[in-house]
Amino acid sequence: MTNKFLLKFLWLEKLIAVSLDQKVGDRSAPITEFFFWPKTDAWEEMRLDLEKRSWISESESIVLLNQVTEVINFWQEKSESNRKKEFQAAKEKFSNCSFVGRD
């Protein structure tokens, strides 16, 4: 994933949420709000938000959306009762993303 951006995920048992930050030095600044799956179509909301931002290239958007897909799919593959246990595995598997939740 491009190193200019950071996908942040809120990892919960019944929901997963994603937002996008822009990296600024060793910190990050929010670009989007959190989009919650399955409450809404988080992927589609992120896609629409990225389209509004002309300074984010199409290739960067594709990489970011592909990463969102991978993480959401990983979350969906876990049963609700195991999602809490898989929090650490998600952090390790997707080390270029930031995860907030309980492990």
C-alpha atoms as a PDB file:
ATOM      1  CA  MET A   1       0.000   0.000   0.000  1.00  0.00           C
ATOM      2  CA  THR A   2       1.178   3.514  -0.646  1.00  0.00           C
ATOM      3  CA  ASN A   3       3.054   4.976   2.306  1.00  0.00           C
ATOM      4  CA  LYS A   4       1.254   8.349   2.077  1.00  0.00           C
ATOM      5  CA  PHE A   5      -1.927   6.907   3.560  1.00  0.00           C
ATOM      6  CA  LEU A   6      -2.994   4.780   6.507  1.00  0.00           C
ATOM      7  CA  LEU A   7      -6.140   2.687   6.629  1.00  0.00           C
ATOM      8  CA  LYS A   8      -7.545   2.488  10.142  1.00  0.00           C
ATOM      9  CA  PHE A   9      -9.893  -0.295  11.184  1.00  0.00           C
ATOM     10  CA  LEU A  10     -12.160  -0.520  14.201  1.00  0.00           C
ATOM     11  CA  TRP A  11     -12.363  -4.296  14.834  1.00  0.00           C
ATOM     12  CA  LEU A  12     -15.507  -5.339  16.702  1.00  0.00           C
ATOM     13  CA  GLU A  13     -17.420  -8.596  17.016  1.00  0.00           C
ATOM     14  CA  LYS A  14     -20.512  -7.436  15.102  1.00  0.00           C
ATOM     15  CA  LEU A  15     -19.060  -4.610  12.984  1.00  0.00           C
ATOM     16  CA  ILE A  16     -15.857  -3.538  11.324  1.00  0.00           C
ATOM     17  CA  ALA A  17     -15.230   0.083  10.421  1.00  0.00           C
ATOM     18  CA  VAL A  18     -12.644   1.672   8.147  1.00  0.00           C
ATOM     19  CA  SER A  19     -11.316   5.192   7.777  1.00  0.00           C
ATOM     20  CA  LEU A  20      -8.436   6.758   5.879  1.00  0.00           C
ATOM     21  CA  ASP A  21      -5.705   8.995   7.257  1.00  0.00           C
ATOM     22  CA  GLN A  22      -2.931  10.830   5.467  1.00  0.00           C
ATOM     23  CA  LYS A  23       0.520  10.316   6.910  1.00  0.00           C
ATOM     24  CA  VAL A  24       2.278  13.519   7.917  1.00  0.00           C
ATOM     25  CA  GLY A  25       5.763  12.747   9.178  1.00  0.00           C
ATOM     26  CA  ASP A  26       5.417  10.284  12.041  1.00  0.00           C
ATOM     27  CA  ARG A  27       1.769  11.241  12.608  1.00  0.00           C
ATOM     28  CA  SER A  28      -1.423  10.962  10.627  1.00  0.00           C
ATOM     29  CA  ALA A  29      -4.357  13.255   9.926  1.00  0.00           C
ATOM     30  CA  PRO A  30      -7.893  11.992   9.239  1.00  0.00           C
ATOM     31  CA  ILE A  31      -9.182  12.249   5.680  1.00  0.00           C
ATOM     32  CA  THR A  32     -12.448  10.332   6.022  1.00  0.00           C
ATOM     33  CA  GLU A  33     -14.908   9.427   8.710  1.00  0.00           C
ATOM     34  CA  PHE A  34     -15.319   5.780   9.729  1.00  0.00           C
ATOM     35  CA  PHE A  35     -17.486   3.679   7.414  1.00  0.00           C
ATOM     36  CA  PHE A  36     -19.135   0.698   9.125  1.00  0.00           C
ATOM     37  CA  TRP A  37     -19.616  -2.764   7.602  1.00  0.00           C
ATOM     38  CA  PRO A  38     -22.156  -4.452   7.443  1.00  0.00           C
ATOM     39  CA  LYS A  39     -24.304  -1.559   8.699  1.00  0.00           C
ATOM     40  CA  THR A  40     -23.532   0.198   5.395  1.00  0.00           C
ATOM     41  CA  ASP A  41     -21.485  -0.697   2.330  1.00  0.00           C
ATOM     42  CA  ALA A  42     -18.194   0.569   3.733  1.00  0.00           C
ATOM     43  CA  TRP A  43     -16.278  -0.276   0.559  1.00  0.00           C
ATOM     44  CA  GLU A  44     -18.676   1.717  -1.635  1.00  0.00           C
ATOM     45  CA  GLU A  45     -18.684   4.662   0.778  1.00  0.00           C
ATOM     46  CA  MET A  46     -14.874   4.695   0.770  1.00  0.00           C
ATOM     47  CA  ARG A  47     -14.819   4.503  -3.051  1.00  0.00           C
ATOM     48  CA  LEU A  48     -17.194   7.461  -3.362  1.00  0.00           C
ATOM     49  CA  ASP A  49     -15.195   9.460  -0.841  1.00  0.00           C
ATOM     50  CA  LEU A  50     -11.915   8.751  -2.655  1.00  0.00           C
ATOM     51  CA  GLU A  51     -13.437   9.844  -5.975  1.00  0.00           C
ATOM     52  CA  LYS A  52     -14.147  13.290  -4.492  1.00  0.00           C
ATOM     53  CA  ARG A  53     -10.483  13.783  -3.656  1.00  0.00           C
ATOM     54  CA  SER A  54      -8.746  14.650  -6.917  1.00  0.00           C
ATOM     55  CA  TRP A  55      -5.360  14.696  -5.186  1.00  0.00           C
ATOM     56  CA  ILE A  56      -5.591  10.940  -4.522  1.00  0.00           C
ATOM     57  CA  SER A  57      -4.650   9.155  -7.744  1.00  0.00           C
ATOM     58  CA  GLU A  58      -6.743   6.404  -9.270  1.00  0.00           C
ATOM     59  CA  SER A  59      -3.924   3.896  -8.730  1.00  0.00           C
ATOM     60  CA  GLU A  60      -3.664   4.872  -5.043  1.00  0.00           C
ATOM     61  CA  SER A  61      -7.437   4.505  -4.694  1.00  0.00           C
ATOM     62  CA  ILE A  62      -7.326   1.031  -6.234  1.00  0.00           C
ATOM     63  CA  VAL A  63      -4.601  -0.094  -3.826  1.00  0.00           C
ATOM     64  CA  LEU A  64      -6.516   1.309  -0.849  1.00  0.00           C
ATOM     65  CA  LEU A  65      -9.829  -0.250  -1.896  1.00  0.00           C
ATOM     66  CA  ASN A  66      -8.173  -3.614  -2.517  1.00  0.00           C
ATOM     67  CA  GLN A  67      -6.750  -3.487   1.012  1.00  0.00           C
ATOM     68  CA  VAL A  68     -10.180  -2.610   2.434  1.00  0.00           C
ATOM     69  CA  THR A  69     -11.600  -5.640   0.602  1.00  0.00           C
ATOM     70  CA  GLU A  70      -8.923  -7.957   1.985  1.00  0.00           C
ATOM     71  CA  VAL A  71      -9.436  -6.838   5.579  1.00  0.00           C
ATOM     72  CA  ILE A  72     -13.243  -6.974   5.419  1.00  0.00           C
ATOM     73  CA  ASN A  73     -13.070 -10.438   3.844  1.00  0.00           C
ATOM     74  CA  PHE A  74     -10.688 -11.601   6.588  1.00  0.00           C
ATOM     75  CA  TRP A  75     -13.089 -10.233   9.235  1.00  0.00           C
ATOM     76  CA  GLN A  76     -16.112 -11.902   7.572  1.00  0.00           C
ATOM     77  CA  GLU A  77     -14.362 -15.284   7.399  1.00  0.00           C
ATOM     78  CA  LYS A  78     -14.170 -15.372  11.197  1.00  0.00           C
ATOM     79  CA  SER A  79     -17.175 -16.429  13.211  1.00  0.00           C
ATOM     80  CA  GLU A  80     -18.563 -13.731  15.480  1.00  0.00           C
ATOM     81  CA  SER A  81     -17.342 -15.572  18.572  1.00  0.00           C
ATOM     82  CA  ASN A  82     -13.794 -15.840  17.165  1.00  0.00           C
ATOM     83  CA  ARG A  83     -13.392 -12.273  15.911  1.00  0.00           C
ATOM     84  CA  LYS A  84     -12.094 -11.037  19.234  1.00  0.00           C
ATOM     85  CA  LYS A  85      -9.441 -13.772  19.201  1.00  0.00           C
ATOM     86  CA  GLU A  86      -8.457 -12.957  15.601  1.00  0.00           C
ATOM     87  CA  PHE A  87      -7.736  -9.286  16.346  1.00  0.00           C
ATOM     88  CA  GLN A  88      -4.013  -9.936  16.857  1.00  0.00           C
ATOM     89  CA  ALA A  89      -3.852 -12.092  13.713  1.00  0.00           C
ATOM     90  CA  ALA A  90      -5.383  -9.238  11.707  1.00  0.00           C
ATOM     91  CA  LYS A  91      -2.805  -6.787  13.058  1.00  0.00           C
ATOM     92  CA  GLU A  92      -0.013  -9.160  12.027  1.00  0.00           C
ATOM     93  CA  LYS A  93      -1.446 -10.052   8.613  1.00  0.00           C
ATOM     94  CA  PHE A  94      -2.188  -6.424   7.676  1.00  0.00           C
ATOM     95  CA  SER A  95       0.740  -4.717   9.379  1.00  0.00           C
ATOM     96  CA  ASN A  96       0.554  -1.688   7.077  1.00  0.00           C
ATOM     97  CA  CYS A  97      -2.875  -0.836   8.538  1.00  0.00           C
ATOM     98  CA  SER A  98      -3.844   0.390  11.981  1.00  0.00           C
ATOM     99  CA  PHE A  99      -6.305  -1.591  14.101  1.00  0.00           C
ATOM    100  CA  VAL A 100      -8.256  -0.497  17.132  1.00  0.00           C
ATOM    101  CA  GLY A 101     -10.272  -2.988  19.133  1.00  0.00           C
ATOM    102  CA  ARG A 102      -9.886  -5.494  21.909  1.00  0.00           C
ATOM    103  CA  ASP A 103      -7.587  -8.474  21.741  1.00  0.00           C
END
